[in-house]
């Protein structure tokens, strides 16, 4: 499980990016990969897993911290 924060999230389009805390690597996140809610806000602290997506690594199983 990784720890990070939301860089930005577009509620209308349903996607955004998360920055991993230790490496500062950025990961795409889609609303369908968020648990218990469907959107995030900038600077929300989150836990997430990493998976390979069609265009690279992405955040899945995203939960607010």
N, C-alpha and C. Protein backbone atom coordinates (compact mmCIF):
# COMPACT_ATOMS: atom_id res chain seq x y z
N UNK A 1 0.86 -1.18 0.00
CA UNK A 1 0.00 0.00 0.00
C UNK A 1 0.90 1.24 0.00
N UNK A 2 0.61 2.17 -0.87
CA UNK A 2 1.37 3.41 -1.01
C UNK A 2 0.61 4.57 -0.39
N UNK A 3 1.34 5.59 -0.03
CA UNK A 3 0.77 6.78 0.59
C UNK A 3 1.08 7.97 -0.32
N UNK A 4 0.12 8.85 -0.51
CA UNK A 4 0.36 10.01 -1.36
C UNK A 4 -0.69 11.08 -1.19
N UNK A 5 -0.67 12.05 -2.11
CA UNK A 5 -1.65 13.14 -2.09
C UNK A 5 -2.12 13.42 -3.51
N UNK A 6 -3.31 13.98 -3.60
CA UNK A 6 -3.92 14.28 -4.88
C UNK A 6 -3.31 15.56 -5.45
N UNK A 7 -2.77 15.47 -6.67
CA UNK A 7 -2.25 16.65 -7.35
C UNK A 7 -3.40 17.47 -7.92
N UNK A 8 -4.29 16.79 -8.62
CA UNK A 8 -5.52 17.40 -9.13
C UNK A 8 -6.50 16.30 -9.51
N UNK A 9 -7.79 16.64 -9.53
CA UNK A 9 -8.83 15.70 -9.92
C UNK A 9 -9.97 16.47 -10.56
N UNK A 10 -10.35 16.08 -11.78
CA UNK A 10 -11.43 16.72 -12.50
C UNK A 10 -12.71 15.92 -12.27
N UNK A 11 -13.63 16.46 -11.47
CA UNK A 11 -14.87 15.74 -11.15
C UNK A 11 -15.73 15.51 -12.39
N UNK A 12 -15.73 16.44 -13.32
CA UNK A 12 -16.56 16.31 -14.53
C UNK A 12 -16.08 15.15 -15.39
N UNK A 13 -14.78 15.05 -15.58
CA UNK A 13 -14.22 13.99 -16.41
C UNK A 13 -13.94 12.70 -15.64
N UNK A 14 -13.85 12.80 -14.31
CA UNK A 14 -13.70 11.60 -13.48
C UNK A 14 -12.30 11.04 -13.38
N UNK A 15 -11.28 11.88 -13.56
CA UNK A 15 -9.92 11.39 -13.41
C UNK A 15 -8.99 12.49 -12.93
N UNK A 16 -7.77 12.08 -12.53
CA UNK A 16 -6.77 13.03 -12.08
C UNK A 16 -5.45 12.32 -11.84
N UNK A 17 -4.62 12.92 -10.98
CA UNK A 17 -3.30 12.36 -10.68
C UNK A 17 -3.00 12.43 -9.20
N UNK A 18 -2.29 11.41 -8.73
CA UNK A 18 -1.85 11.29 -7.35
C UNK A 18 -0.32 11.29 -7.35
N UNK A 19 0.27 11.95 -6.36
CA UNK A 19 1.73 11.96 -6.20
C UNK A 19 2.09 11.07 -5.02
N UNK A 20 2.93 10.07 -5.26
CA UNK A 20 3.36 9.15 -4.20
C UNK A 20 4.30 9.90 -3.26
N UNK A 21 4.12 9.70 -1.96
CA UNK A 21 4.83 10.48 -0.96
C UNK A 21 6.35 10.28 -0.99
N UNK A 22 6.83 9.04 -1.01
CA UNK A 22 8.27 8.78 -0.91
C UNK A 22 9.03 9.06 -2.20
N UNK A 23 8.49 8.65 -3.33
CA UNK A 23 9.21 8.79 -4.60
C UNK A 23 8.81 10.04 -5.38
N UNK A 24 7.67 10.63 -5.02
CA UNK A 24 7.09 11.78 -5.73
C UNK A 24 6.71 11.44 -7.17
N UNK A 25 6.60 10.14 -7.47
CA UNK A 25 6.14 9.70 -8.79
C UNK A 25 4.65 9.99 -8.91
N UNK A 26 4.20 10.33 -10.11
CA UNK A 26 2.79 10.66 -10.36
C UNK A 26 2.08 9.46 -10.96
N UNK A 27 0.84 9.23 -10.51
CA UNK A 27 0.03 8.12 -11.00
C UNK A 27 -1.35 8.61 -11.41
N UNK A 28 -1.79 8.17 -12.58
CA UNK A 28 -3.14 8.44 -13.06
C UNK A 28 -4.14 7.74 -12.14
N UNK A 29 -5.28 8.39 -11.88
CA UNK A 29 -6.36 7.75 -11.12
C UNK A 29 -7.70 8.04 -11.80
N UNK A 30 -8.51 7.00 -11.96
CA UNK A 30 -9.85 7.11 -12.54
C UNK A 30 -10.86 6.90 -11.44
N UNK A 31 -12.02 7.55 -11.55
CA UNK A 31 -13.02 7.46 -10.47
C UNK A 31 -13.45 6.02 -10.16
N UNK A 32 -13.39 5.14 -11.13
CA UNK A 32 -13.80 3.74 -10.87
C UNK A 32 -12.78 2.99 -10.00
N UNK A 33 -11.58 3.56 -9.83
CA UNK A 33 -10.55 2.93 -9.00
C UNK A 33 -10.49 3.53 -7.59
N UNK A 34 -11.48 4.35 -7.25
CA UNK A 34 -11.56 4.97 -5.92
C UNK A 34 -12.59 4.20 -5.10
N UNK A 35 -12.22 3.82 -3.89
CA UNK A 35 -13.12 3.06 -3.02
C UNK A 35 -13.96 3.98 -2.15
N UNK A 36 -15.24 3.67 -1.98
CA UNK A 36 -16.17 4.32 -1.05
C UNK A 36 -16.56 5.75 -1.40
N UNK A 37 -16.06 6.31 -2.47
CA UNK A 37 -16.46 7.64 -2.92
C UNK A 37 -16.04 7.74 -4.38
N UNK A 38 -16.49 8.76 -5.10
CA UNK A 38 -16.22 8.80 -6.53
C UNK A 38 -15.40 9.99 -6.98
N UNK A 39 -14.95 10.82 -6.05
CA UNK A 39 -14.11 11.93 -6.47
C UNK A 39 -13.12 12.28 -5.37
N UNK A 40 -12.10 13.01 -5.75
CA UNK A 40 -11.06 13.45 -4.83
C UNK A 40 -10.92 14.96 -4.94
N UNK A 41 -10.26 15.55 -3.97
CA UNK A 41 -9.95 16.98 -4.00
C UNK A 41 -8.44 17.16 -3.94
N UNK A 42 -7.97 18.24 -4.52
CA UNK A 42 -6.54 18.57 -4.47
C UNK A 42 -6.05 18.52 -3.02
N UNK A 43 -4.90 17.91 -2.83
CA UNK A 43 -4.23 17.78 -1.53
C UNK A 43 -4.85 16.75 -0.59
N UNK A 44 -5.91 16.02 -1.00
CA UNK A 44 -6.41 14.91 -0.18
C UNK A 44 -5.28 13.91 0.03
N UNK A 45 -5.12 13.43 1.24
CA UNK A 45 -4.14 12.38 1.54
C UNK A 45 -4.82 11.04 1.27
N UNK A 46 -4.13 10.15 0.54
CA UNK A 46 -4.72 8.88 0.14
C UNK A 46 -3.74 7.73 0.28
N UNK A 47 -4.30 6.52 0.39
CA UNK A 47 -3.56 5.26 0.28
C UNK A 47 -3.98 4.65 -1.04
N UNK A 48 -3.06 3.93 -1.72
CA UNK A 48 -3.41 3.33 -3.00
C UNK A 48 -2.44 2.21 -3.36
N UNK A 49 -2.88 1.36 -4.27
CA UNK A 49 -2.03 0.34 -4.86
C UNK A 49 -1.67 0.80 -6.27
N UNK A 50 -0.66 0.19 -6.84
CA UNK A 50 -0.22 0.55 -8.20
C UNK A 50 -0.43 -0.65 -9.12
N UNK A 51 -0.96 -0.36 -10.31
CA UNK A 51 -1.18 -1.40 -11.33
C UNK A 51 -0.72 -0.86 -12.67
N UNK A 52 -0.49 -1.75 -13.61
CA UNK A 52 -0.16 -1.34 -14.97
C UNK A 52 -1.44 -1.08 -15.73
N UNK A 53 -1.54 0.11 -16.30
CA UNK A 53 -2.69 0.48 -17.11
C UNK A 53 -2.32 0.48 -18.58
N UNK A 54 -3.24 0.90 -19.43
CA UNK A 54 -3.00 0.93 -20.88
C UNK A 54 -1.88 1.89 -21.25
N UNK A 55 -1.73 2.99 -20.48
CA UNK A 55 -0.73 4.01 -20.82
C UNK A 55 0.33 4.15 -19.75
N UNK A 56 0.52 3.14 -18.93
CA UNK A 56 1.53 3.19 -17.87
C UNK A 56 0.94 2.84 -16.52
N UNK A 57 1.69 3.14 -15.48
CA UNK A 57 1.23 2.81 -14.13
C UNK A 57 0.08 3.70 -13.71
N UNK A 58 -0.83 3.11 -12.90
CA UNK A 58 -1.97 3.89 -12.42
C UNK A 58 -2.26 3.50 -10.97
N UNK A 59 -2.98 4.37 -10.28
CA UNK A 59 -3.39 4.12 -8.90
C UNK A 59 -4.72 3.38 -8.91
N UNK A 60 -4.82 2.33 -8.08
CA UNK A 60 -6.06 1.59 -7.91
C UNK A 60 -6.32 1.41 -6.41
N UNK A 61 -7.51 0.96 -6.07
CA UNK A 61 -7.90 0.74 -4.66
C UNK A 61 -7.60 1.98 -3.82
N UNK A 62 -7.92 3.14 -4.34
CA UNK A 62 -7.61 4.41 -3.68
C UNK A 62 -8.58 4.63 -2.51
N UNK A 63 -8.01 4.96 -1.35
CA UNK A 63 -8.80 5.24 -0.14
C UNK A 63 -8.26 6.51 0.50
N UNK A 64 -9.18 7.33 1.02
CA UNK A 64 -8.73 8.52 1.74
C UNK A 64 -8.04 8.12 3.02
N UNK A 65 -7.02 8.86 3.37
CA UNK A 65 -6.19 8.61 4.56
C UNK A 65 -6.92 9.03 5.82
